[in-house]
C-alpha atoms as a PDB file:
ATOM      1  CA  UNK A   1      -9.456  -0.357   3.906  1.00  0.00           C
ATOM      2  CA  UNK A   2      -8.777  -2.379   7.034  1.00  0.00           C
ATOM      3  CA  UNK A   3     -10.467  -5.433   5.528  1.00  0.00           C
ATOM      4  CA  UNK A   4      -8.392  -5.097   2.347  1.00  0.00           C
ATOM      5  CA  UNK A   5      -5.224  -4.797   4.436  1.00  0.00           C
ATOM      6  CA  UNK A   6      -6.116  -7.925   6.427  1.00  0.00           C
ATOM      7  CA  UNK A   7      -6.721  -9.746   3.129  1.00  0.00           C
ATOM      8  CA  UNK A   8      -3.272  -8.610   1.952  1.00  0.00           C
ATOM      9  CA  UNK A   9      -1.672  -9.933   5.134  1.00  0.00           C
ATOM     10  CA  UNK A  10      -3.444 -13.288   4.816  1.00  0.00           C
ATOM     11  CA  UNK A  11      -2.444 -13.507   1.148  1.00  0.00           C
ATOM     12  CA  UNK A  12       1.151 -12.681   2.115  1.00  0.00           C
ATOM     13  CA  UNK A  13       1.254 -15.409   4.741  1.00  0.00           C
ATOM     14  CA  UNK A  14      -0.255 -17.860   2.269  1.00  0.00           C
ATOM     15  CA  UNK A  15       2.291 -16.947  -0.395  1.00  0.00           C
ATOM     16  CA  UNK A  16       5.115 -17.593   2.084  1.00  0.00           C
ATOM     17  CA  UNK A  17       4.071 -21.225   2.445  1.00  0.00           C
ATOM     18  CA  UNK A  18       2.956 -21.843  -1.137  1.00  0.00           C
ATOM     19  CA  UNK A  19       5.789 -21.051  -3.537  1.00  0.00           C
ATOM     20  CA  UNK A  20       3.813 -20.087  -6.623  1.00  0.00           C
ATOM     21  CA  UNK A  21       4.873 -17.300  -8.996  1.00  0.00           C
ATOM     22  CA  UNK A  22       1.228 -16.615  -9.859  1.00  0.00           C
ATOM     23  CA  UNK A  23       0.294 -16.178  -6.195  1.00  0.00           C
ATOM     24  CA  UNK A  24       3.262 -13.869  -5.665  1.00  0.00           C
ATOM     25  CA  UNK A  25       2.262 -11.774  -8.681  1.00  0.00           C
ATOM     26  CA  UNK A  26      -1.309 -11.516  -7.389  1.00  0.00           C
ATOM     27  CA  UNK A  27       0.034 -10.521  -3.968  1.00  0.00           C
ATOM     28  CA  UNK A  28       2.231  -7.793  -5.471  1.00  0.00           C
ATOM     29  CA  UNK A  29      -0.523  -6.425  -7.709  1.00  0.00           C
ATOM     30  CA  UNK A  30      -2.938  -6.372  -4.786  1.00  0.00           C
ATOM     31  CA  UNK A  31      -0.315  -4.579  -2.665  1.00  0.00           C
ATOM     32  CA  UNK A  32       0.264  -1.916  -5.332  1.00  0.00           C
ATOM     33  CA  UNK A  33      -3.482  -1.407  -5.670  1.00  0.00           C
ATOM     34  CA  UNK A  34      -4.057  -1.211  -1.908  1.00  0.00           C
ATOM     35  CA  UNK A  35      -1.263   1.250  -1.235  1.00  0.00           C
ATOM     36  CA  UNK A  36      -2.388   3.281  -4.249  1.00  0.00           C
ATOM     37  CA  UNK A  37      -5.722   3.669  -2.485  1.00  0.00           C
ATOM     38  CA  UNK A  38      -3.893   4.579   0.739  1.00  0.00           C
ATOM     39  CA  UNK A  39      -1.963   7.226  -1.211  1.00  0.00           C
ATOM     40  CA  UNK A  40      -5.221   8.702  -2.493  1.00  0.00           C
ATOM     41  CA  UNK A  41      -6.767   8.700   0.982  1.00  0.00           C
ATOM     42  CA  UNK A  42      -3.703  10.276   2.614  1.00  0.00           C
ATOM     43  CA  UNK A  43      -3.521  12.954  -0.073  1.00  0.00           C
ATOM     44  CA  UNK A  44      -7.181  13.745   0.525  1.00  0.00           C
ATOM     45  CA  UNK A  45      -6.491  14.023   4.259  1.00  0.00           C
ATOM     46  CA  UNK A  46      -3.724  16.550   3.534  1.00  0.00           C
ATOM     47  CA  UNK A  47      -5.838  18.591   1.119  1.00  0.00           C
ATOM     48  CA  UNK A  48      -8.760  18.576   3.544  1.00  0.00           C
ATOM     49  CA  UNK A  49     -12.363  19.508   2.929  1.00  0.00           C
ATOM     50  CA  UNK A  50     -13.763  16.153   4.077  1.00  0.00           C
ATOM     51  CA  UNK A  51     -14.698  14.820   7.513  1.00  0.00           C
ATOM     52  CA  UNK A  52     -11.129  13.643   8.208  1.00  0.00           C
ATOM     53  CA  UNK A  53      -8.297  16.075   7.576  1.00  0.00           C
ATOM     54  CA  UNK A  54      -4.885  16.850   8.980  1.00  0.00           C
ATOM     55  CA  UNK A  55      -4.243  20.136  10.756  1.00  0.00           C
ATOM     56  CA  UNK A  56      -1.718  22.620   9.438  1.00  0.00           C
ATOM     57  CA  UNK A  57       0.700  21.726  12.263  1.00  0.00           C
ATOM     58  CA  UNK A  58       0.799  18.054  11.292  1.00  0.00           C
ATOM     59  CA  UNK A  59       3.009  18.531   8.238  1.00  0.00           C
ATOM     60  CA  UNK A  60       5.594  16.006   9.488  1.00  0.00           C
ATOM     61  CA  UNK A  61       2.922  13.313   9.848  1.00  0.00           C
ATOM     62  CA  UNK A  62       1.550  14.152   6.408  1.00  0.00           C
ATOM     63  CA  UNK A  63       4.986  13.868   4.807  1.00  0.00           C
ATOM     64  CA  UNK A  64       5.623  10.561   6.578  1.00  0.00           C
ATOM     65  CA  UNK A  65       2.273   9.124   5.444  1.00  0.00           C
ATOM     66  CA  UNK A  66       2.940   9.989   1.807  1.00  0.00           C
ATOM     67  CA  UNK A  67       6.531   8.724   2.023  1.00  0.00           C
ATOM     68  CA  UNK A  68       5.470   5.357   3.448  1.00  0.00           C
ATOM     69  CA  UNK A  69       2.782   4.907   0.797  1.00  0.00           C
ATOM     70  CA  UNK A  70       5.164   5.707  -2.065  1.00  0.00           C
ATOM     71  CA  UNK A  71       7.917   3.460  -0.684  1.00  0.00           C
ATOM     72  CA  UNK A  72       5.479   0.561  -0.248  1.00  0.00           C
ATOM     73  CA  UNK A  73       4.225   0.960  -3.820  1.00  0.00           C
ATOM     74  CA  UNK A  74       7.825   1.029  -5.058  1.00  0.00           C
ATOM     75  CA  UNK A  75       8.731  -2.101  -3.058  1.00  0.00           C
ATOM     76  CA  UNK A  76       5.750  -4.057  -4.406  1.00  0.00           C
ATOM     77  CA  UNK A  77       6.580  -3.010  -7.979  1.00  0.00           C
ATOM     78  CA  UNK A  78      10.199  -4.093  -7.469  1.00  0.00           C
ATOM     79  CA  UNK A  79       9.093  -7.450  -6.117  1.00  0.00           C
ATOM     80  CA  UNK A  80       6.675  -7.871  -9.012  1.00  0.00           C
ATOM     81  CA  UNK A  81       9.367  -7.104 -11.592  1.00  0.00           C
ATOM     82  CA  UNK A  82      11.980  -9.299  -9.906  1.00  0.00           C
ATOM     83  CA  UNK A  83       9.708 -12.369 -10.149  1.00  0.00           C
ATOM     84  CA  UNK A  84       9.734 -12.377 -13.929  1.00  0.00           C
ATOM     85  CA  UNK A  85      11.904 -14.980 -15.522  1.00  0.00           C
END
């Protein structure tokens, strides 16, 4: 997931300098996909049962992780829909 996030950052920096609607759409779709995977991973950490899980006392961290993932997905979808002409 770290490698995918680094690729997203590099693609974001590239799309800042190259003003292409296609590149921006690819960036937004990749961002939605990546944070969708983060949402799945964070939900699995909350549910538990795997090697990495959150303790019962870490409910604030769990809520914050899910909130950040959902907000990021929403922001990428908004950016994707605002690029359409």
